Amino acid sequence: MDKVYILDTNVFIKAADRYYGFDFAPGLWISLINYADTGKLGSIDRVKHELQRGKDDLASWVNEHFKHAFLSTDEEFRSRISARLLT
């Protein structure tokens, strides 16, 4: 089974606010989109909601470019993840 990397809220916020702003390092943000498109990288819906509350450039980027990469954390998702962790 291929690995999937799940990013937490802090990864997005720290990158945007400190080291990899959208205007300074656009390649990072393009890479995140590209890896998400391949299914190798993503996040969860709870992170998406947290980022959208920011009403800033990061929230806009999420809504415009990355919203497809957030997985649902409903009961089915939690069951699938639990099963993968136990194998």
PDB file of N, CA and C in Angstrom:
ATOM      1  N   MET A   1       0.839  -1.177   0.000  1.00  0.00           N
ATOM      2  CA  MET A   1       0.000   0.000   0.000  1.00  0.00           C
ATOM      3  C   MET A   1       0.890   1.248   0.000  1.00  0.00           C
ATOM      4  N   ASP A   2       0.581   2.214  -0.838  1.00  0.00           N
ATOM      5  CA  ASP A   2       1.358   3.448  -0.905  1.00  0.00           C
ATOM      6  C   ASP A   2       1.108   4.318   0.322  1.00  0.00           C
ATOM      7  N   LYS A   3       2.123   5.045   0.708  1.00  0.00           N
ATOM      8  CA  LYS A   3       1.999   5.957   1.837  1.00  0.00           C
ATOM      9  C   LYS A   3       1.238   7.208   1.420  1.00  0.00           C
ATOM     10  N   VAL A   4       0.455   7.709   2.351  1.00  0.00           N
ATOM     11  CA  VAL A   4      -0.237   8.986   2.174  1.00  0.00           C
ATOM     12  C   VAL A   4       0.157   9.858   3.361  1.00  0.00           C
ATOM     13  N   TYR A   5       0.599  11.048   3.075  1.00  0.00           N
ATOM     14  CA  TYR A   5       1.022  11.971   4.118  1.00  0.00           C
ATOM     15  C   TYR A   5      -0.124  12.924   4.421  1.00  0.00           C
ATOM     16  N   ILE A   6      -0.495  13.002   5.691  1.00  0.00           N
ATOM     17  CA  ILE A   6      -1.591  13.850   6.141  1.00  0.00           C
ATOM     18  C   ILE A   6      -0.999  15.026   6.903  1.00  0.00           C
ATOM     19  N   LEU A   7      -1.287  16.234   6.438  1.00  0.00           N
ATOM     20  CA  LEU A   7      -0.732  17.446   7.045  1.00  0.00           C
ATOM     21  C   LEU A   7      -1.693  18.031   8.068  1.00  0.00           C
ATOM     22  N   ASP A   8      -1.120  18.529   9.151  1.00  0.00           N
ATOM     23  CA  ASP A   8      -1.884  19.155  10.209  1.00  0.00           C
ATOM     24  C   ASP A   8      -1.973  20.669   9.956  1.00  0.00           C
ATOM     25  N   THR A   9      -2.859  21.316  10.660  1.00  0.00           N
ATOM     26  CA  THR A   9      -3.083  22.756  10.518  1.00  0.00           C
ATOM     27  C   THR A   9      -1.796  23.549  10.637  1.00  0.00           C
ATOM     28  N   ASN A  10      -0.993  23.196  11.601  1.00  0.00           N
ATOM     29  CA  ASN A  10       0.227  23.950  11.883  1.00  0.00           C
ATOM     30  C   ASN A  10       1.185  23.984  10.695  1.00  0.00           C
ATOM     31  N   VAL A  11       1.247  22.921   9.925  1.00  0.00           N
ATOM     32  CA  VAL A  11       2.131  22.880   8.756  1.00  0.00           C
ATOM     33  C   VAL A  11       1.761  23.993   7.782  1.00  0.00           C
ATOM     34  N   PHE A  12       0.489  24.128   7.506  1.00  0.00           N
ATOM     35  CA  PHE A  12       0.020  25.156   6.576  1.00  0.00           C
ATOM     36  C   PHE A  12       0.249  26.561   7.127  1.00  0.00           C
ATOM     37  N   ILE A  13      -0.124  26.758   8.385  1.00  0.00           N
ATOM     38  CA  ILE A  13      -0.044  28.102   8.978  1.00  0.00           C
ATOM     39  C   ILE A  13       1.411  28.563   9.100  1.00  0.00           C
ATOM     40  N   LYS A  14       2.267  27.726   9.636  1.00  0.00           N
ATOM     41  CA  LYS A  14       3.675  28.113   9.796  1.00  0.00           C
ATOM     42  C   LYS A  14       4.326  28.375   8.441  1.00  0.00           C
ATOM     43  N   ALA A  15       4.038  27.531   7.467  1.00  0.00           N
ATOM     44  CA  ALA A  15       4.621  27.731   6.139  1.00  0.00           C
ATOM     45  C   ALA A  15       4.175  29.067   5.544  1.00  0.00           C
ATOM     46  N   ALA A  16       2.903  29.359   5.633  1.00  0.00           N
ATOM     47  CA  ALA A  16       2.372  30.597   5.040  1.00  0.00           C
ATOM     48  C   ALA A  16       2.831  31.841   5.792  1.00  0.00           C
ATOM     49  N   ASP A  17       2.894  31.766   7.104  1.00  0.00           N
ATOM     50  CA  ASP A  17       3.195  32.948   7.914  1.00  0.00           C
ATOM     51  C   ASP A  17       4.680  33.206   8.127  1.00  0.00           C
ATOM     52  N   ARG A  18       5.498  32.166   8.082  1.00  0.00           N
ATOM     53  CA  ARG A  18       6.894  32.363   8.456  1.00  0.00           C
ATOM     54  C   ARG A  18       7.888  32.183   7.323  1.00  0.00           C
ATOM     55  N   TYR A  19       7.931  31.005   6.762  1.00  0.00           N
ATOM     56  CA  TYR A  19       9.054  30.658   5.912  1.00  0.00           C
ATOM     57  C   TYR A  19       8.743  30.577   4.420  1.00  0.00           C
ATOM     58  N   TYR A  20       7.524  30.234   4.082  1.00  0.00           N
ATOM     59  CA  TYR A  20       7.201  29.940   2.692  1.00  0.00           C
ATOM     60  C   TYR A  20       5.949  30.681   2.236  1.00  0.00           C
ATOM     61  N   GLY A  21       5.946  31.976   2.395  1.00  0.00           N
ATOM     62  CA  GLY A  21       4.804  32.772   1.965  1.00  0.00           C
ATOM     63  C   GLY A  21       4.493  32.541   0.498  1.00  0.00           C
ATOM     64  N   PHE A  22       3.260  32.791   0.123  1.00  0.00           N
ATOM     65  CA  PHE A  22       2.812  32.527  -1.247  1.00  0.00           C
ATOM     66  C   PHE A  22       3.630  33.299  -2.283  1.00  0.00           C
ATOM     67  N   ASP A  23       4.035  34.498  -1.951  1.00  0.00           N
ATOM     68  CA  ASP A  23       4.806  35.302  -2.899  1.00  0.00           C
ATOM     69  C   ASP A  23       6.299  34.953  -2.879  1.00  0.00           C
ATOM     70  N   PHE A  24       6.788  34.418  -1.764  1.00  0.00           N
ATOM     71  CA  PHE A  24       8.209  34.103  -1.618  1.00  0.00           C
ATOM     72  C   PHE A  24       8.556  32.709  -2.151  1.00  0.00           C
ATOM     73  N   ALA A  25       7.668  31.755  -1.919  1.00  0.00           N
ATOM     74  CA  ALA A  25       7.944  30.363  -2.300  1.00  0.00           C
ATOM     75  C   ALA A  25       6.733  29.719  -2.972  1.00  0.00           C
ATOM     76  N   PRO A  26       6.327  30.233  -4.132  1.00  0.00           N
ATOM     77  CA  PRO A  26       5.147  29.671  -4.788  1.00  0.00           C
ATOM     78  C   PRO A  26       5.328  28.204  -5.176  1.00  0.00           C
ATOM     79  N   GLY A  27       6.569  27.777  -5.377  1.00  0.00           N
ATOM     80  CA  GLY A  27       6.823  26.387  -5.741  1.00  0.00           C
ATOM     81  C   GLY A  27       6.363  25.399  -4.682  1.00  0.00           C
ATOM     82  N   LEU A  28       6.468  25.768  -3.414  1.00  0.00           N
ATOM     83  CA  LEU A  28       5.994  24.895  -2.344  1.00  0.00           C
ATOM     84  C   LEU A  28       4.500  24.650  -2.480  1.00  0.00           C
ATOM     85  N   TRP A  29       3.753  25.704  -2.689  1.00  0.00           N
ATOM     86  CA  TRP A  29       2.296  25.603  -2.749  1.00  0.00           C
ATOM     87  C   TRP A  29       1.850  24.840  -3.989  1.00  0.00           C
ATOM     88  N   ILE A  30       2.571  25.029  -5.096  1.00  0.00           N
ATOM     89  CA  ILE A  30       2.283  24.264  -6.309  1.00  0.00           C
ATOM     90  C   ILE A  30       2.585  22.789  -6.075  1.00  0.00           C
ATOM     91  N   SER A  31       3.685  22.508  -5.388  1.00  0.00           N
ATOM     92  CA  SER A  31       4.036  21.114  -5.079  1.00  0.00           C
ATOM     93  C   SER A  31       2.992  20.453  -4.195  1.00  0.00           C
ATOM     94  N   LEU A  32       2.491  21.171  -3.210  1.00  0.00           N
ATOM     95  CA  LEU A  32       1.443  20.604  -2.350  1.00  0.00           C
ATOM     96  C   LEU A  32       0.221  20.220  -3.179  1.00  0.00           C
ATOM     97  N   ILE A  33      -0.170  21.096  -4.086  1.00  0.00           N
ATOM     98  CA  ILE A  33      -1.316  20.804  -4.956  1.00  0.00           C
ATOM     99  C   ILE A  33      -1.021  19.578  -5.813  1.00  0.00           C
ATOM    100  N   ASN A  34       0.168  19.536  -6.408  1.00  0.00           N
ATOM    101  CA  ASN A  34       0.523  18.416  -7.287  1.00  0.00           C
ATOM    102  C   ASN A  34       0.549  17.087  -6.534  1.00  0.00           C
ATOM    103  N   TYR A  35       1.132  17.074  -5.340  1.00  0.00           N
ATOM    104  CA  TYR A  35       1.148  15.839  -4.553  1.00  0.00           C
ATOM    105  C   TYR A  35      -0.260  15.442  -4.107  1.00  0.00           C
ATOM    106  N   ALA A  36      -1.082  16.418  -3.794  1.00  0.00           N
ATOM    107  CA  ALA A  36      -2.469  16.116  -3.431  1.00  0.00           C
ATOM    108  C   ALA A  36      -3.209  15.519  -4.623  1.00  0.00           C
ATOM    109  N   ASP A  37      -2.938  16.026  -5.809  1.00  0.00           N
ATOM    110  CA  ASP A  37      -3.583  15.504  -7.016  1.00  0.00           C
ATOM    111  C   ASP A  37      -3.226  14.045  -7.275  1.00  0.00           C
ATOM    112  N   THR A  38      -2.047  13.614  -6.832  1.00  0.00           N
ATOM    113  CA  THR A  38      -1.637  12.213  -7.013  1.00  0.00           C
ATOM    114  C   THR A  38      -2.154  11.318  -5.892  1.00  0.00           C
ATOM    115  N   GLY A  39      -2.719  11.917  -4.854  1.00  0.00           N
ATOM    116  CA  GLY A  39      -3.217  11.137  -3.733  1.00  0.00           C
ATOM    117  C   GLY A  39      -2.165  10.810  -2.697  1.00  0.00           C
ATOM    118  N   LYS A  40      -0.987  11.383  -2.827  1.00  0.00           N
ATOM    119  CA  LYS A  40       0.100  11.091  -1.888  1.00  0.00           C
ATOM    120  C   LYS A  40       0.113  12.022  -0.685  1.00  0.00           C
ATOM    121  N   LEU A  41      -0.661  13.070  -0.732  1.00  0.00           N
ATOM    122  CA  LEU A  41      -0.643  14.070   0.325  1.00  0.00           C
ATOM    123  C   LEU A  41      -2.038  14.643   0.481  1.00  0.00           C
ATOM    124  N   GLY A  42      -2.398  14.968   1.691  1.00  0.00           N
ATOM    125  CA  GLY A  42      -3.699  15.574   1.938  1.00  0.00           C
ATOM    126  C   GLY A  42      -3.802  16.023   3.373  1.00  0.00           C
ATOM    127  N   SER A  43      -5.021  16.236   3.781  1.00  0.00           N
ATOM    128  CA  SER A  43      -5.308  16.617   5.150  1.00  0.00           C
ATOM    129  C   SER A  43      -6.725  16.150   5.453  1.00  0.00           C
ATOM    130  N   ILE A  44      -7.273  16.612   6.552  1.00  0.00           N
ATOM    131  CA  ILE A  44      -8.632  16.197   6.928  1.00  0.00           C
ATOM    132  C   ILE A  44      -9.559  17.406   6.982  1.00  0.00           C
ATOM    133  N   ASP A  45     -10.832  17.120   6.934  1.00  0.00           N
ATOM    134  CA  ASP A  45     -11.832  18.192   6.888  1.00  0.00           C
ATOM    135  C   ASP A  45     -11.773  19.126   8.097  1.00  0.00           C
ATOM    136  N   ARG A  46     -11.379  18.621   9.227  1.00  0.00           N
ATOM    137  CA  ARG A  46     -11.288  19.477  10.424  1.00  0.00           C
ATOM    138  C   ARG A  46     -10.193  20.531  10.265  1.00  0.00           C
ATOM    139  N   VAL A  47      -9.112  20.163   9.615  1.00  0.00           N
ATOM    140  CA  VAL A  47      -8.042  21.121   9.310  1.00  0.00           C
ATOM    141  C   VAL A  47      -8.561  22.168   8.330  1.00  0.00           C
ATOM    142  N   LYS A  48      -9.278  21.718   7.304  1.00  0.00           N
ATOM    143  CA  LYS A  48      -9.835  22.652   6.323  1.00  0.00           C
ATOM    144  C   LYS A  48     -10.706  23.701   6.998  1.00  0.00           C
ATOM    145  N   HIS A  49     -11.588  23.264   7.888  1.00  0.00           N
ATOM    146  CA  HIS A  49     -12.475  24.202   8.579  1.00  0.00           C
ATOM    147  C   HIS A  49     -11.688  25.185   9.435  1.00  0.00           C
ATOM    148  N   GLU A  50     -10.656  24.690  10.077  1.00  0.00           N
ATOM    149  CA  GLU A  50      -9.818  25.563  10.900  1.00  0.00           C
ATOM    150  C   GLU A  50      -9.096  26.613  10.042  1.00  0.00           C
ATOM    151  N   LEU A  51      -8.571  26.195   8.907  1.00  0.00           N
ATOM    152  CA  LEU A  51      -7.877  27.127   8.024  1.00  0.00           C
ATOM    153  C   LEU A  51      -8.827  28.147   7.402  1.00  0.00           C
ATOM    154  N   GLN A  52     -10.028  27.728   7.092  1.00  0.00           N
ATOM    155  CA  GLN A  52     -11.006  28.637   6.486  1.00  0.00           C
ATOM    156  C   GLN A  52     -11.468  29.718   7.453  1.00  0.00           C
ATOM    157  N   ARG A  53     -11.365  29.459   8.722  1.00  0.00           N
ATOM    158  CA  ARG A  53     -11.753  30.478   9.714  1.00  0.00           C
ATOM    159  C   ARG A  53     -10.814  31.672   9.694  1.00  0.00           C
ATOM    160  N   GLY A  54      -9.608  31.499   9.123  1.00  0.00           N
ATOM    161  CA  GLY A  54      -8.618  32.562   9.112  1.00  0.00           C
ATOM    162  C   GLY A  54      -8.989  33.757   8.264  1.00  0.00           C
ATOM    163  N   LYS A  55      -9.809  33.570   7.231  1.00  0.00           N
ATOM    164  CA  LYS A  55     -10.215  34.674   6.343  1.00  0.00           C
ATOM    165  C   LYS A  55      -8.998  35.454   5.835  1.00  0.00           C
ATOM    166  N   ASP A  56      -7.959  34.728   5.401  1.00  0.00           N
ATOM    167  CA  ASP A  56      -6.724  35.346   4.935  1.00  0.00           C
ATOM    168  C   ASP A  56      -6.285  34.687   3.630  1.00  0.00           C
ATOM    169  N   ASP A  57      -5.049  34.943   3.213  1.00  0.00           N
ATOM    170  CA  ASP A  57      -4.542  34.358   1.970  1.00  0.00           C
ATOM    171  C   ASP A  57      -4.523  32.835   2.020  1.00  0.00           C
ATOM    172  N   LEU A  58      -4.219  32.289   3.179  1.00  0.00           N
ATOM    173  CA  LEU A  58      -4.197  30.835   3.321  1.00  0.00           C
ATOM    174  C   LEU A  58      -5.592  30.253   3.132  1.00  0.00           C
ATOM    175  N   ALA A  59      -6.585  30.868   3.737  1.00  0.00           N
ATOM    176  CA  ALA A  59      -7.963  30.410   3.565  1.00  0.00           C
ATOM    177  C   ALA A  59      -8.383  30.495   2.100  1.00  0.00           C
ATOM    178  N   SER A  60      -7.998  31.555   1.437  1.00  0.00           N
ATOM    179  CA  SER A  60      -8.309  31.697   0.007  1.00  0.00           C
ATOM    180  C   SER A  60      -7.635  30.604  -0.813  1.00  0.00           C
ATOM    181  N   TRP A  61      -6.364  30.312  -0.508  1.00  0.00           N
ATOM    182  CA  TRP A  61      -5.641  29.270  -1.231  1.00  0.00           C
ATOM    183  C   TRP A  61      -6.315  27.914  -1.040  1.00  0.00           C
ATOM    184  N   VAL A  62      -6.716  27.625   0.202  1.00  0.00           N
ATOM    185  CA  VAL A  62      -7.411  26.364   0.484  1.00  0.00           C
ATOM    186  C   VAL A  62      -8.667  26.267  -0.364  1.00  0.00           C
ATOM    187  N   ASN A  63      -9.462  27.322  -0.367  1.00  0.00           N
ATOM    188  CA  ASN A  63     -10.727  27.296  -1.098  1.00  0.00           C
ATOM    189  C   ASN A  63     -10.538  27.229  -2.611  1.00  0.00           C
ATOM    190  N   GLU A  64      -9.511  27.865  -3.108  1.00  0.00           N
ATOM    191  CA  GLU A  64      -9.305  27.932  -4.552  1.00  0.00           C
ATOM    192  C   GLU A  64      -8.483  26.780  -5.131  1.00  0.00           C
ATOM    193  N   HIS A  65      -7.570  26.213  -4.322  1.00  0.00           N
ATOM    194  CA  HIS A  65      -6.625  25.262  -4.895  1.00  0.00           C
ATOM    195  C   HIS A  65      -6.515  23.915  -4.185  1.00  0.00           C
ATOM    196  N   PHE A  66      -6.963  23.811  -2.955  1.00  0.00           N
ATOM    197  CA  PHE A  66      -6.629  22.616  -2.179  1.00  0.00           C
ATOM    198  C   PHE A  66      -7.837  21.933  -1.544  1.00  0.00           C
ATOM    199  N   LYS A  67      -9.027  22.462  -1.742  1.00  0.00           N
ATOM    200  CA  LYS A  67     -10.175  21.904  -1.017  1.00  0.00           C
ATOM    201  C   LYS A  67     -10.465  20.447  -1.380  1.00  0.00           C
ATOM    202  N   HIS A  68     -10.017  20.003  -2.550  1.00  0.00           N
ATOM    203  CA  HIS A  68     -10.215  18.611  -2.956  1.00  0.00           C
ATOM    204  C   HIS A  68      -9.336  17.640  -2.163  1.00  0.00           C
ATOM    205  N   ALA A  69      -8.347  18.153  -1.457  1.00  0.00           N
ATOM    206  CA  ALA A  69      -7.365  17.298  -0.789  1.00  0.00           C
ATOM    207  C   ALA A  69      -7.709  16.997   0.665  1.00  0.00           C
ATOM    208  N   PHE A  70      -8.853  17.437   1.121  1.00  0.00           N
ATOM    209  CA  PHE A  70      -9.238  17.216   2.515  1.00  0.00           C
ATOM    210  C   PHE A  70     -10.178  16.018   2.612  1.00  0.00           C
ATOM    211  N   LEU A  71      -9.770  15.045   3.416  1.00  0.00           N
ATOM    212  CA  LEU A  71     -10.554  13.832   3.607  1.00  0.00           C
ATOM    213  C   LEU A  71     -11.572  14.022   4.714  1.00  0.00           C
ATOM    214  N   SER A  72     -12.686  13.369   4.558  1.00  0.00           N
ATOM    215  CA  SER A  72     -13.729  13.410   5.573  1.00  0.00           C
ATOM    216  C   SER A  72     -13.301  12.597   6.791  1.00  0.00           C
ATOM    217  N   THR A  73     -13.676  13.057   7.958  1.00  0.00           N
ATOM    218  CA  THR A  73     -13.381  12.307   9.183  1.00  0.00           C
ATOM    219  C   THR A  73     -14.641  11.660   9.749  1.00  0.00           C
ATOM    220  N   ASP A  74     -15.537  11.279   8.864  1.00  0.00           N
ATOM    221  CA  ASP A  74     -16.746  10.609   9.308  1.00  0.00           C
ATOM    222  C   ASP A  74     -16.412   9.209   9.831  1.00  0.00           C
ATOM    223  N   GLU A  75     -17.397   8.493  10.291  1.00  0.00           N
ATOM    224  CA  GLU A  75     -17.198   7.178  10.899  1.00  0.00           C
ATOM    225  C   GLU A  75     -16.526   6.190   9.941  1.00  0.00           C
ATOM    226  N   GLU A  76     -16.916   6.213   8.679  1.00  0.00           N
ATOM    227  CA  GLU A  76     -16.320   5.303   7.695  1.00  0.00           C
ATOM    228  C   GLU A  76     -14.815   5.555   7.555  1.00  0.00           C
ATOM    229  N   PHE A  77     -14.440   6.811   7.497  1.00  0.00           N
ATOM    230  CA  PHE A  77     -13.022   7.171   7.389  1.00  0.00           C
ATOM    231  C   PHE A  77     -12.248   6.663   8.598  1.00  0.00           C
ATOM    232  N   ARG A  78     -12.788   6.905   9.792  1.00  0.00           N
ATOM    233  CA  ARG A  78     -12.097   6.472  11.000  1.00  0.00           C
ATOM    234  C   ARG A  78     -11.944   4.952  11.038  1.00  0.00           C
ATOM    235  N   SER A  79     -12.934   4.230  10.557  1.00  0.00           N
ATOM    236  CA  SER A  79     -12.849   2.771  10.521  1.00  0.00           C
ATOM    237  C   SER A  79     -11.778   2.293   9.549  1.00  0.00           C
ATOM    238  N   ARG A  80     -11.698   2.935   8.374  1.00  0.00           N
ATOM    239  CA  ARG A  80     -10.678   2.558   7.384  1.00  0.00           C
ATOM    240  C   ARG A  80      -9.290   2.844   7.908  1.00  0.00           C
ATOM    241  N   ILE A  81      -9.105   3.978   8.552  1.00  0.00           N
ATOM    242  CA  ILE A  81      -7.785   4.334   9.087  1.00  0.00           C
ATOM    243  C   ILE A  81      -7.399   3.361  10.192  1.00  0.00           C
ATOM    244  N   SER A  82      -8.326   3.047  11.058  1.00  0.00           N
ATOM    245  CA  SER A  82      -8.043   2.091  12.142  1.00  0.00           C
ATOM    246  C   SER A  82      -7.625   0.751  11.583  1.00  0.00           C
ATOM    247  N   ALA A  83      -8.311   0.302  10.552  1.00  0.00           N
ATOM    248  CA  ALA A  83      -7.975  -0.987   9.940  1.00  0.00           C
ATOM    249  C   ALA A  83      -6.579  -0.959   9.329  1.00  0.00           C
ATOM    250  N   ARG A  84      -6.214   0.152   8.695  1.00  0.00           N
ATOM    251  CA  ARG A  84      -4.860   0.266   8.104  1.00  0.00           C
ATOM    252  C   ARG A  84      -3.783   0.283   9.175  1.00  0.00           C
ATOM    253  N   LEU A  85      -4.071   0.917  10.307  1.00  0.00           N
ATOM    254  CA  LEU A  85      -3.080   0.996  11.368  1.00  0.00           C
ATOM    255  C   LEU A  85      -2.852  -0.359  12.031  1.00  0.00           C
ATOM    256  N   LEU A  86      -3.856  -1.184  12.018  1.00  0.00           N
ATOM    257  CA  LEU A  86      -3.755  -2.484  12.676  1.00  0.00           C
ATOM    258  C   LEU A  86      -3.152  -3.549  11.793  1.00  0.00           C
ATOM    259  N   THR A  87      -2.936  -3.271  10.507  1.00  0.00           N
ATOM    260  CA  THR A  87      -2.366  -4.294   9.625  1.00  0.00           C
ATOM    261  C   THR A  87      -0.895  -4.068   9.400  1.00  0.00           C
TER     262      THR A  87
END
